[in-house]
Amino acid sequence: MSAKIGFSEAKRRLITALQQGSFRHAARDGVETKNLLQMGQITSEELSEIVKRCSGQHHQSSPHHQAEEVDVHVLKRDGWYVKFYFLDLDTIFISVHM
């Protein structure tokens, strides 16, 4: 299971995953509009630069609707909406869109 983590640790882990290409995408409907990273409309390098500009004021988190012990993180910056969570060592994107 995933331990609760705050903004700074979530940001650090997300940037590392983006730089290393070590992330997955949650299966969902509407992927062509809801996950532009998965569709190749934004690169992991471009998204990493957006995430680097985020501060705590751009972040919120809440429990996952199917697994309360997992925090789902949302970053909103420069018109981008980035929703993700960590499951053990995996970084999983739910949404990446404008």
PDB file of N, CA and C in Angstrom:
ATOM      1  N   MET A   1       0.829  -1.187   0.000  1.00  0.00           N
ATOM      2  CA  MET A   1       0.000   0.000   0.000  1.00  0.00           C
ATOM      3  C   MET A   1       0.874   1.251   0.000  1.00  0.00           C
ATOM      4  N   SER A   2       0.266   2.360  -0.191  1.00  0.00           N
ATOM      5  CA  SER A   2       0.968   3.625  -0.291  1.00  0.00           C
ATOM      6  C   SER A   2       0.819   4.418   1.007  1.00  0.00           C
ATOM      7  N   ALA A   3       1.922   4.967   1.475  1.00  0.00           N
ATOM      8  CA  ALA A   3       1.868   5.817   2.659  1.00  0.00           C
ATOM      9  C   ALA A   3       1.421   7.208   2.239  1.00  0.00           C
ATOM     10  N   LYS A   4       0.839   7.934   3.184  1.00  0.00           N
ATOM     11  CA  LYS A   4       0.433   9.318   2.916  1.00  0.00           C
ATOM     12  C   LYS A   4       1.688  10.157   2.728  1.00  0.00           C
ATOM     13  N   ILE A   5       1.709  10.949   1.665  1.00  0.00           N
ATOM     14  CA  ILE A   5       2.846  11.833   1.440  1.00  0.00           C
ATOM     15  C   ILE A   5       2.332  13.226   1.128  1.00  0.00           C
ATOM     16  N   GLY A   6       3.141  14.214   1.437  1.00  0.00           N
ATOM     17  CA  GLY A   6       2.778  15.597   1.202  1.00  0.00           C
ATOM     18  C   GLY A   6       3.227  16.088  -0.158  1.00  0.00           C
ATOM     19  N   PHE A   7       3.010  17.382  -0.380  1.00  0.00           N
ATOM     20  CA  PHE A   7       3.302  17.982  -1.677  1.00  0.00           C
ATOM     21  C   PHE A   7       4.756  17.834  -2.096  1.00  0.00           C
ATOM     22  N   SER A   8       5.688  18.183  -1.217  1.00  0.00           N
ATOM     23  CA  SER A   8       7.112  18.166  -1.601  1.00  0.00           C
ATOM     24  C   SER A   8       7.567  16.789  -2.039  1.00  0.00           C
ATOM     25  N   GLU A   9       7.180  15.760  -1.299  1.00  0.00           N
ATOM     26  CA  GLU A   9       7.563  14.398  -1.654  1.00  0.00           C
ATOM     27  C   GLU A   9       6.838  13.944  -2.922  1.00  0.00           C
ATOM     28  N   ALA A  10       5.572  14.306  -3.067  1.00  0.00           N
ATOM     29  CA  ALA A  10       4.826  13.943  -4.280  1.00  0.00           C
ATOM     30  C   ALA A  10       5.472  14.594  -5.505  1.00  0.00           C
ATOM     31  N   LYS A  11       5.838  15.852  -5.399  1.00  0.00           N
ATOM     32  CA  LYS A  11       6.479  16.567  -6.503  1.00  0.00           C
ATOM     33  C   LYS A  11       7.809  15.911  -6.859  1.00  0.00           C
ATOM     34  N   ARG A  12       8.622  15.605  -5.852  1.00  0.00           N
ATOM     35  CA  ARG A  12       9.923  14.989  -6.089  1.00  0.00           C
ATOM     36  C   ARG A  12       9.766  13.637  -6.789  1.00  0.00           C
ATOM     37  N   ARG A  13       8.857  12.817  -6.278  1.00  0.00           N
ATOM     38  CA  ARG A  13       8.650  11.496  -6.863  1.00  0.00           C
ATOM     39  C   ARG A  13       8.082  11.577  -8.273  1.00  0.00           C
ATOM     40  N   LEU A  14       7.188  12.529  -8.509  1.00  0.00           N
ATOM     41  CA  LEU A  14       6.597  12.686  -9.835  1.00  0.00           C
ATOM     42  C   LEU A  14       7.647  13.122 -10.852  1.00  0.00           C
ATOM     43  N   ILE A  15       8.464  14.088 -10.499  1.00  0.00           N
ATOM     44  CA  ILE A  15       9.517  14.552 -11.419  1.00  0.00           C
ATOM     45  C   ILE A  15      10.487  13.424 -11.727  1.00  0.00           C
ATOM     46  N   THR A  16      10.884  12.667 -10.713  1.00  0.00           N
ATOM     47  CA  THR A  16      11.788  11.532 -10.926  1.00  0.00           C
ATOM     48  C   THR A  16      11.168  10.521 -11.883  1.00  0.00           C
ATOM     49  N   ALA A  17       9.895  10.188 -11.675  1.00  0.00           N
ATOM     50  CA  ALA A  17       9.224   9.232 -12.556  1.00  0.00           C
ATOM     51  C   ALA A  17       9.163   9.749 -13.987  1.00  0.00           C
ATOM     52  N   LEU A  18       8.873  11.031 -14.154  1.00  0.00           N
ATOM     53  CA  LEU A  18       8.809  11.612 -15.494  1.00  0.00           C
ATOM     54  C   LEU A  18      10.185  11.605 -16.162  1.00  0.00           C
ATOM     55  N   GLN A  19      11.216  11.943 -15.416  1.00  0.00           N
ATOM     56  CA  GLN A  19      12.564  11.971 -15.975  1.00  0.00           C
ATOM     57  C   GLN A  19      13.060  10.579 -16.342  1.00  0.00           C
ATOM     58  N   GLN A  20      12.665   9.578 -15.559  1.00  0.00           N
ATOM     59  CA  GLN A  20      13.114   8.208 -15.812  1.00  0.00           C
ATOM     60  C   GLN A  20      12.173   7.430 -16.732  1.00  0.00           C
ATOM     61  N   GLY A  21      11.020   8.008 -17.022  1.00  0.00           N
ATOM     62  CA  GLY A  21      10.041   7.302 -17.847  1.00  0.00           C
ATOM     63  C   GLY A  21       9.425   6.116 -17.123  1.00  0.00           C
ATOM     64  N   SER A  22       9.421   6.181 -15.801  1.00  0.00           N
ATOM     65  CA  SER A  22       8.936   5.052 -14.995  1.00  0.00           C
ATOM     66  C   SER A  22       7.569   5.365 -14.407  1.00  0.00           C
ATOM     67  N   PHE A  23       6.567   5.398 -15.283  1.00  0.00           N
ATOM     68  CA  PHE A  23       5.197   5.669 -14.856  1.00  0.00           C
ATOM     69  C   PHE A  23       4.243   4.863 -15.719  1.00  0.00           C
ATOM     70  N   ARG A  24       3.011   4.758 -15.212  1.00  0.00           N
ATOM     71  CA  ARG A  24       1.959   4.040 -15.936  1.00  0.00           C
ATOM     72  C   ARG A  24       0.745   4.950 -16.040  1.00  0.00           C
ATOM     73  N   HIS A  25      -0.227   4.509 -16.790  1.00  0.00           N
ATOM     74  CA  HIS A  25      -1.467   5.255 -16.952  1.00  0.00           C
ATOM     75  C   HIS A  25      -2.638   4.393 -16.509  1.00  0.00           C
ATOM     76  N   ALA A  26      -3.529   4.977 -15.734  1.00  0.00           N
ATOM     77  CA  ALA A  26      -4.732   4.263 -15.310  1.00  0.00           C
ATOM     78  C   ALA A  26      -5.634   4.071 -16.520  1.00  0.00           C
ATOM     79  N   ALA A  27      -6.245   2.913 -16.611  1.00  0.00           N
ATOM     80  CA  ALA A  27      -7.208   2.652 -17.685  1.00  0.00           C
ATOM     81  C   ALA A  27      -8.467   3.459 -17.414  1.00  0.00           C
ATOM     82  N   ARG A  28      -8.933   4.156 -18.436  1.00  0.00           N
ATOM     83  CA  ARG A  28     -10.152   4.947 -18.264  1.00  0.00           C
ATOM     84  C   ARG A  28     -10.742   5.319 -19.606  1.00  0.00           C
ATOM     85  N   ASP A  29     -12.011   5.682 -19.593  1.00  0.00           N
ATOM     86  CA  ASP A  29     -12.680   6.168 -20.796  1.00  0.00           C
ATOM     87  C   ASP A  29     -12.213   7.590 -21.083  1.00  0.00           C
ATOM     88  N   GLY A  30     -12.288   8.009 -22.319  1.00  0.00           N
ATOM     89  CA  GLY A  30     -11.963   9.376 -22.701  1.00  0.00           C
ATOM     90  C   GLY A  30     -10.485   9.680 -22.662  1.00  0.00           C
ATOM     91  N   VAL A  31      -9.642   8.650 -22.815  1.00  0.00           N
ATOM     92  CA  VAL A  31      -8.199   8.843 -22.708  1.00  0.00           C
ATOM     93  C   VAL A  31      -7.689   9.885 -23.703  1.00  0.00           C
ATOM     94  N   GLU A  32      -8.330   9.988 -24.867  1.00  0.00           N
ATOM     95  CA  GLU A  32      -7.836  10.921 -25.890  1.00  0.00           C
ATOM     96  C   GLU A  32      -7.986  12.380 -25.475  1.00  0.00           C
ATOM     97  N   THR A  33      -8.873  12.684 -24.535  1.00  0.00           N
ATOM     98  CA  THR A  33      -9.001  14.059 -24.053  1.00  0.00           C
ATOM     99  C   THR A  33      -8.539  14.216 -22.614  1.00  0.00           C
ATOM    100  N   LYS A  34      -8.517  13.127 -21.859  1.00  0.00           N
ATOM    101  CA  LYS A  34      -8.194  13.211 -20.434  1.00  0.00           C
ATOM    102  C   LYS A  34      -6.745  12.879 -20.107  1.00  0.00           C
ATOM    103  N   ASN A  35      -6.008  12.263 -21.031  1.00  0.00           N
ATOM    104  CA  ASN A  35      -4.614  11.950 -20.741  1.00  0.00           C
ATOM    105  C   ASN A  35      -3.748  12.243 -21.959  1.00  0.00           C
ATOM    106  N   LEU A  36      -3.391  13.500 -22.087  1.00  0.00           N
ATOM    107  CA  LEU A  36      -2.599  13.941 -23.236  1.00  0.00           C
ATOM    108  C   LEU A  36      -1.168  13.428 -23.187  1.00  0.00           C
ATOM    109  N   LEU A  37      -0.684  13.063 -21.997  1.00  0.00           N
ATOM    110  CA  LEU A  37       0.631  12.440 -21.889  1.00  0.00           C
ATOM    111  C   LEU A  37       0.598  11.058 -22.540  1.00  0.00           C
ATOM    112  N   GLN A  38      -0.400  10.292 -22.231  1.00  0.00           N
ATOM    113  CA  GLN A  38      -0.539   8.956 -22.805  1.00  0.00           C
ATOM    114  C   GLN A  38      -0.721   9.026 -24.316  1.00  0.00           C
ATOM    115  N   MET A  39      -1.399  10.067 -24.790  1.00  0.00           N
ATOM    116  CA  MET A  39      -1.666  10.203 -26.221  1.00  0.00           C
ATOM    117  C   MET A  39      -0.511  10.859 -26.980  1.00  0.00           C
ATOM    118  N   GLY A  40       0.541  11.284 -26.271  1.00  0.00           N
ATOM    119  CA  GLY A  40       1.701  11.886 -26.927  1.00  0.00           C
ATOM    120  C   GLY A  40       1.533  13.355 -27.268  1.00  0.00           C
ATOM    121  N   GLN A  41       0.507  14.004 -26.721  1.00  0.00           N
ATOM    122  CA  GLN A  41       0.275  15.425 -26.996  1.00  0.00           C
ATOM    123  C   GLN A  41       1.161  16.332 -26.146  1.00  0.00           C
ATOM    124  N   ILE A  42       1.735  15.778 -25.077  1.00  0.00           N
ATOM    125  CA  ILE A  42       2.726  16.460 -24.257  1.00  0.00           C
ATOM    126  C   ILE A  42       3.760  15.400 -23.892  1.00  0.00           C
ATOM    127  N   THR A  43       5.023  15.783 -23.858  1.00  0.00           N
ATOM    128  CA  THR A  43       6.074  14.829 -23.511  1.00  0.00           C
ATOM    129  C   THR A  43       6.292  14.813 -22.002  1.00  0.00           C
ATOM    130  N   SER A  44       6.933  13.768 -21.546  1.00  0.00           N
ATOM    131  CA  SER A  44       7.249  13.690 -20.115  1.00  0.00           C
ATOM    132  C   SER A  44       8.193  14.822 -19.717  1.00  0.00           C
ATOM    133  N   GLU A  45       9.067  15.251 -20.627  1.00  0.00           N
ATOM    134  CA  GLU A  45       9.974  16.367 -20.346  1.00  0.00           C
ATOM    135  C   GLU A  45       9.188  17.677 -20.192  1.00  0.00           C
ATOM    136  N   GLU A  46       8.229  17.904 -21.074  1.00  0.00           N
ATOM    137  CA  GLU A  46       7.406  19.115 -20.982  1.00  0.00           C
ATOM    138  C   GLU A  46       6.577  19.109 -19.701  1.00  0.00           C
ATOM    139  N   LEU A  47       6.003  17.961 -19.368  1.00  0.00           N
ATOM    140  CA  LEU A  47       5.206  17.872 -18.156  1.00  0.00           C
ATOM    141  C   LEU A  47       6.079  18.059 -16.921  1.00  0.00           C
ATOM    142  N   SER A  48       7.274  17.524 -16.951  1.00  0.00           N
ATOM    143  CA  SER A  48       8.205  17.698 -15.836  1.00  0.00           C
ATOM    144  C   SER A  48       8.483  19.177 -15.584  1.00  0.00           C
ATOM    145  N   GLU A  49       8.646  19.954 -16.629  1.00  0.00           N
ATOM    146  CA  GLU A  49       8.895  21.399 -16.478  1.00  0.00           C
ATOM    147  C   GLU A  49       7.686  22.101 -15.851  1.00  0.00           C
ATOM    148  N   ILE A  50       6.489  21.687 -16.208  1.00  0.00           N
ATOM    149  CA  ILE A  50       5.279  22.253 -15.601  1.00  0.00           C
ATOM    150  C   ILE A  50       5.235  21.907 -14.117  1.00  0.00           C
ATOM    151  N   VAL A  51       5.506  20.651 -13.798  1.00  0.00           N
ATOM    152  CA  VAL A  51       5.487  20.202 -12.400  1.00  0.00           C
ATOM    153  C   VAL A  51       6.532  20.949 -11.584  1.00  0.00           C
ATOM    154  N   LYS A  52       7.700  21.189 -12.151  1.00  0.00           N
ATOM    155  CA  LYS A  52       8.760  21.918 -11.433  1.00  0.00           C
ATOM    156  C   LYS A  52       8.302  23.313 -11.026  1.00  0.00           C
ATOM    157  N   ARG A  53       7.399  23.923 -11.798  1.00  0.00           N
ATOM    158  CA  ARG A  53       6.900  25.273 -11.492  1.00  0.00           C
ATOM    159  C   ARG A  53       5.790  25.264 -10.432  1.00  0.00           C
ATOM    160  N   CYS A  54       5.341  24.091 -10.044  1.00  0.00           N
ATOM    161  CA  CYS A  54       4.261  23.995  -9.057  1.00  0.00           C
ATOM    162  C   CYS A  54       4.779  24.255  -7.644  1.00  0.00           C
ATOM    163  N   SER A  55       3.933  24.897  -6.865  1.00  0.00           N
ATOM    164  CA  SER A  55       4.185  25.053  -5.436  1.00  0.00           C
ATOM    165  C   SER A  55       3.003  24.417  -4.707  1.00  0.00           C
ATOM    166  N   GLY A  56       3.052  24.473  -3.402  1.00  0.00           N
ATOM    167  CA  GLY A  56       1.976  23.885  -2.618  1.00  0.00           C
ATOM    168  C   GLY A  56       0.615  24.464  -2.930  1.00  0.00           C
ATOM    169  N   GLN A  57       0.564  25.716  -3.380  1.00  0.00           N
ATOM    170  CA  GLN A  57      -0.729  26.332  -3.706  1.00  0.00           C
ATOM    171  C   GLN A  57      -1.357  25.738  -4.960  1.00  0.00           C
ATOM    172  N   HIS A  58      -0.591  25.008  -5.755  1.00  0.00           N
ATOM    173  CA  HIS A  58      -1.091  24.370  -6.973  1.00  0.00           C
ATOM    174  C   HIS A  58      -1.496  22.916  -6.732  1.00  0.00           C
ATOM    175  N   HIS A  59      -1.416  22.476  -5.493  1.00  0.00           N
ATOM    176  CA  HIS A  59      -1.592  21.061  -5.155  1.00  0.00           C
ATOM    177  C   HIS A  59      -2.788  20.841  -4.240  1.00  0.00           C
ATOM    178  N   GLN A  60      -3.454  19.733  -4.464  1.00  0.00           N
ATOM    179  CA  GLN A  60      -4.460  19.238  -3.522  1.00  0.00           C
ATOM    180  C   GLN A  60      -4.427  17.716  -3.578  1.00  0.00           C
ATOM    181  N   SER A  61      -4.911  17.089  -2.534  1.00  0.00           N
ATOM    182  CA  SER A  61      -4.965  15.627  -2.530  1.00  0.00           C
ATOM    183  C   SER A  61      -6.201  15.174  -1.779  1.00  0.00           C
ATOM    184  N   SER A  62      -6.620  13.969  -2.106  1.00  0.00           N
ATOM    185  CA  SER A  62      -7.784  13.359  -1.457  1.00  0.00           C
ATOM    186  C   SER A  62      -7.654  11.848  -1.598  1.00  0.00           C
ATOM    187  N   PRO A  63      -8.364  11.099  -0.762  1.00  0.00           N
ATOM    188  CA  PRO A  63      -8.299   9.641  -0.874  1.00  0.00           C
ATOM    189  C   PRO A  63      -8.877   9.149  -2.203  1.00  0.00           C
ATOM    190  N   HIS A  64      -8.270   8.100  -2.730  1.00  0.00           N
ATOM    191  CA  HIS A  64      -8.765   7.456  -3.945  1.00  0.00           C
ATOM    192  C   HIS A  64     -10.167   6.911  -3.669  1.00  0.00           C
ATOM    193  N   HIS A  65     -11.065   7.023  -4.642  1.00  0.00           N
ATOM    194  CA  HIS A  65     -12.451   6.605  -4.420  1.00  0.00           C
ATOM    195  C   HIS A  65     -12.609   5.095  -4.236  1.00  0.00           C
ATOM    196  N   GLN A  66     -11.641   4.309  -4.683  1.00  0.00           N
ATOM    197  CA  GLN A  66     -11.733   2.855  -4.529  1.00  0.00           C
ATOM    198  C   GLN A  66     -10.788   2.302  -3.462  1.00  0.00           C
ATOM    199  N   ALA A  67      -9.812   3.104  -3.050  1.00  0.00           N
ATOM    200  CA  ALA A  67      -8.838   2.651  -2.048  1.00  0.00           C
ATOM    201  C   ALA A  67      -8.464   3.850  -1.180  1.00  0.00           C
ATOM    202  N   GLU A  68      -9.161   4.016  -0.074  1.00  0.00           N
ATOM    203  CA  GLU A  68      -8.991   5.195   0.769  1.00  0.00           C
ATOM    204  C   GLU A  68      -7.578   5.387   1.292  1.00  0.00           C
ATOM    205  N   GLU A  69      -6.797   4.321   1.359  1.00  0.00           N
ATOM    206  CA  GLU A  69      -5.435   4.440   1.873  1.00  0.00           C
ATOM    207  C   GLU A  69      -4.469   5.059   0.855  1.00  0.00           C
ATOM    208  N   VAL A  70      -4.929   5.246  -0.371  1.00  0.00           N
ATOM    209  CA  VAL A  70      -4.108   5.824  -1.435  1.00  0.00           C
ATOM    210  C   VAL A  70      -4.534   7.266  -1.663  1.00  0.00           C
ATOM    211  N   ASP A  71      -3.566   8.190  -1.569  1.00  0.00           N
ATOM    212  CA  ASP A  71      -3.847   9.597  -1.858  1.00  0.00           C
ATOM    213  C   ASP A  71      -3.758   9.853  -3.353  1.00  0.00           C
ATOM    214  N   VAL A  72      -4.752  10.537  -3.883  1.00  0.00           N
ATOM    215  CA  VAL A  72      -4.728  10.995  -5.266  1.00  0.00           C
ATOM    216  C   VAL A  72      -4.324  12.465  -5.225  1.00  0.00           C
ATOM    217  N   HIS A  73      -3.300  12.810  -5.980  1.00  0.00           N
ATOM    218  CA  HIS A  73      -2.765  14.168  -6.014  1.00  0.00           C
ATOM    219  C   HIS A  73      -3.225  14.865  -7.284  1.00  0.00           C
ATOM    220  N   VAL A  74      -3.532  16.142  -7.160  1.00  0.00           N
ATOM    221  CA  VAL A  74      -3.919  16.965  -8.305  1.00  0.00           C
ATOM    222  C   VAL A  74      -3.044  18.208  -8.301  1.00  0.00           C
ATOM    223  N   LEU A  75      -2.439  18.494  -9.453  1.00  0.00           N
ATOM    224  CA  LEU A  75      -1.683  19.727  -9.663  1.00  0.00           C
ATOM    225  C   LEU A  75      -2.400  20.528 -10.737  1.00  0.00           C
ATOM    226  N   LYS A  76      -2.585  21.816 -10.469  1.00  0.00           N
ATOM    227  CA  LYS A  76      -3.186  22.721 -11.451  1.00  0.00           C
ATOM    228  C   LYS A  76      -2.227  23.880 -11.627  1.00  0.00           C
ATOM    229  N   ARG A  77      -1.653  23.965 -12.840  1.00  0.00           N
ATOM    230  CA  ARG A  77      -0.663  25.006 -13.109  1.00  0.00           C
ATOM    231  C   ARG A  77      -0.644  25.315 -14.599  1.00  0.00           C
ATOM    232  N   ASP A  78      -0.574  26.591 -14.937  1.00  0.00           N
ATOM    233  CA  ASP A  78      -0.456  27.036 -16.331  1.00  0.00           C
ATOM    234  C   ASP A  78      -1.561  26.453 -17.211  1.00  0.00           C
ATOM    235  N   GLY A  79      -2.750  26.276 -16.649  1.00  0.00           N
ATOM    236  CA  GLY A  79      -3.869  25.728 -17.397  1.00  0.00           C
ATOM    237  C   GLY A  79      -3.888  24.203 -17.448  1.00  0.00           C
ATOM    238  N   TRP A  80      -2.886  23.556 -16.917  1.00  0.00           N
ATOM    239  CA  TRP A  80      -2.801  22.098 -16.931  1.00  0.00           C
ATOM    240  C   TRP A  80      -3.430  21.512 -15.678  1.00  0.00           C
ATOM    241  N   TYR A  81      -4.019  20.349 -15.836  1.00  0.00           N
ATOM    242  CA  TYR A  81      -4.631  19.570 -14.757  1.00  0.00           C
ATOM    243  C   TYR A  81      -3.939  18.212 -14.782  1.00  0.00           C
ATOM    244  N   VAL A  82      -3.232  17.892 -13.710  1.00  0.00           N
ATOM    245  CA  VAL A  82      -2.456  16.657 -13.633  1.00  0.00           C
ATOM    246  C   VAL A  82      -2.918  15.883 -12.403  1.00  0.00           C
ATOM    247  N   LYS A  83      -3.482  14.714 -12.615  1.00  0.00           N
ATOM    248  CA  LYS A  83      -4.023  13.897 -11.527  1.00  0.00           C
ATOM    249  C   LYS A  83      -3.292  12.557 -11.528  1.00  0.00           C
ATOM    250  N   PHE A  84      -2.748  12.184 -10.367  1.00  0.00           N
ATOM    251  CA  PHE A  84      -1.904  10.994 -10.287  1.00  0.00           C
ATOM    252  C   PHE A  84      -1.900  10.437  -8.868  1.00  0.00           C
ATOM    253  N   TYR A  85      -1.382   9.233  -8.740  1.00  0.00           N
ATOM    254  CA  TYR A  85      -1.200   8.641  -7.421  1.00  0.00           C
ATOM    255  C   TYR A  85      -0.011   7.708  -7.453  1.00  0.00           C
ATOM    256  N   PHE A  86       0.419   7.338  -6.266  1.00  0.00           N
ATOM    257  CA  PHE A  86       1.529   6.408  -6.116  1.00  0.00           C
ATOM    258  C   PHE A  86       0.995   5.128  -5.492  1.00  0.00           C
ATOM    259  N   LEU A  87       1.396   4.016  -6.045  1.00  0.00           N
ATOM    260  CA  LEU A  87       1.035   2.720  -5.505  1.00  0.00           C
ATOM    261  C   LEU A  87       2.349   1.977  -5.328  1.00  0.00           C
ATOM    262  N   ASP A  88       2.783   1.870  -4.084  1.00  0.00           N
ATOM    263  CA  ASP A  88       4.116   1.362  -3.759  1.00  0.00           C
ATOM    264  C   ASP A  88       5.130   2.227  -4.511  1.00  0.00           C
ATOM    265  N   LEU A  89       5.925   1.647  -5.386  1.00  0.00           N
ATOM    266  CA  LEU A  89       6.934   2.421  -6.103  1.00  0.00           C
ATOM    267  C   LEU A  89       6.448   2.918  -7.460  1.00  0.00           C
ATOM    268  N   ASP A  90       5.220   2.608  -7.832  1.00  0.00           N
ATOM    269  CA  ASP A  90       4.674   3.008  -9.130  1.00  0.00           C
ATOM    270  C   ASP A  90       4.028   4.381  -9.073  1.00  0.00           C
ATOM    271  N   THR A  91       4.233   5.147 -10.130  1.00  0.00           N
ATOM    272  CA  THR A  91       3.535   6.411 -10.333  1.00  0.00           C
ATOM    273  C   THR A  91       2.493   6.163 -11.415  1.00  0.00           C
ATOM    274  N   ILE A  92       1.240   6.500 -11.116  1.00  0.00           N
ATOM    275  CA  ILE A  92       0.156   6.198 -12.048  1.00  0.00           C
ATOM    276  C   ILE A  92      -0.617   7.475 -12.346  1.00  0.00           C
ATOM    277  N   PHE A  93      -0.692   7.830 -13.628  1.00  0.00           N
ATOM    278  CA  PHE A  93      -1.430   9.006 -14.054  1.00  0.00           C
ATOM    279  C   PHE A  93      -2.879   8.645 -14.312  1.00  0.00           C
ATOM    280  N   ILE A  94      -3.769   9.473 -13.823  1.00  0.00           N
ATOM    281  CA  ILE A  94      -5.196   9.338 -14.110  1.00  0.00           C
ATOM    282  C   ILE A  94      -5.573  10.309 -15.223  1.00  0.00           C
ATOM    283  N   SER A  95      -5.138  11.566 -15.088  1.00  0.00           N
ATOM    284  CA  SER A  95      -5.461  12.603 -16.073  1.00  0.00           C
ATOM    285  C   SER A  95      -4.290  13.543 -16.254  1.00  0.00           C
ATOM    286  N   VAL A  96      -4.082  13.954 -17.486  1.00  0.00           N
ATOM    287  CA  VAL A  96      -3.138  15.019 -17.829  1.00  0.00           C
ATOM    288  C   VAL A  96      -3.781  15.769 -18.978  1.00  0.00           C
ATOM    289  N   HIS A  97      -4.359  16.940 -18.683  1.00  0.00           N
ATOM    290  CA  HIS A  97      -5.033  17.680 -19.756  1.00  0.00           C
ATOM    291  C   HIS A  97      -5.125  19.168 -19.410  1.00  0.00           C
ATOM    292  N   MET A  98      -5.519  19.937 -20.411  1.00  0.00           N
ATOM    293  CA  MET A  98      -5.741  21.384 -20.213  1.00  0.00           C
ATOM    294  C   MET A  98      -7.211  21.628 -20.067  1.00  0.00           C
TER     295      MET A  98
END
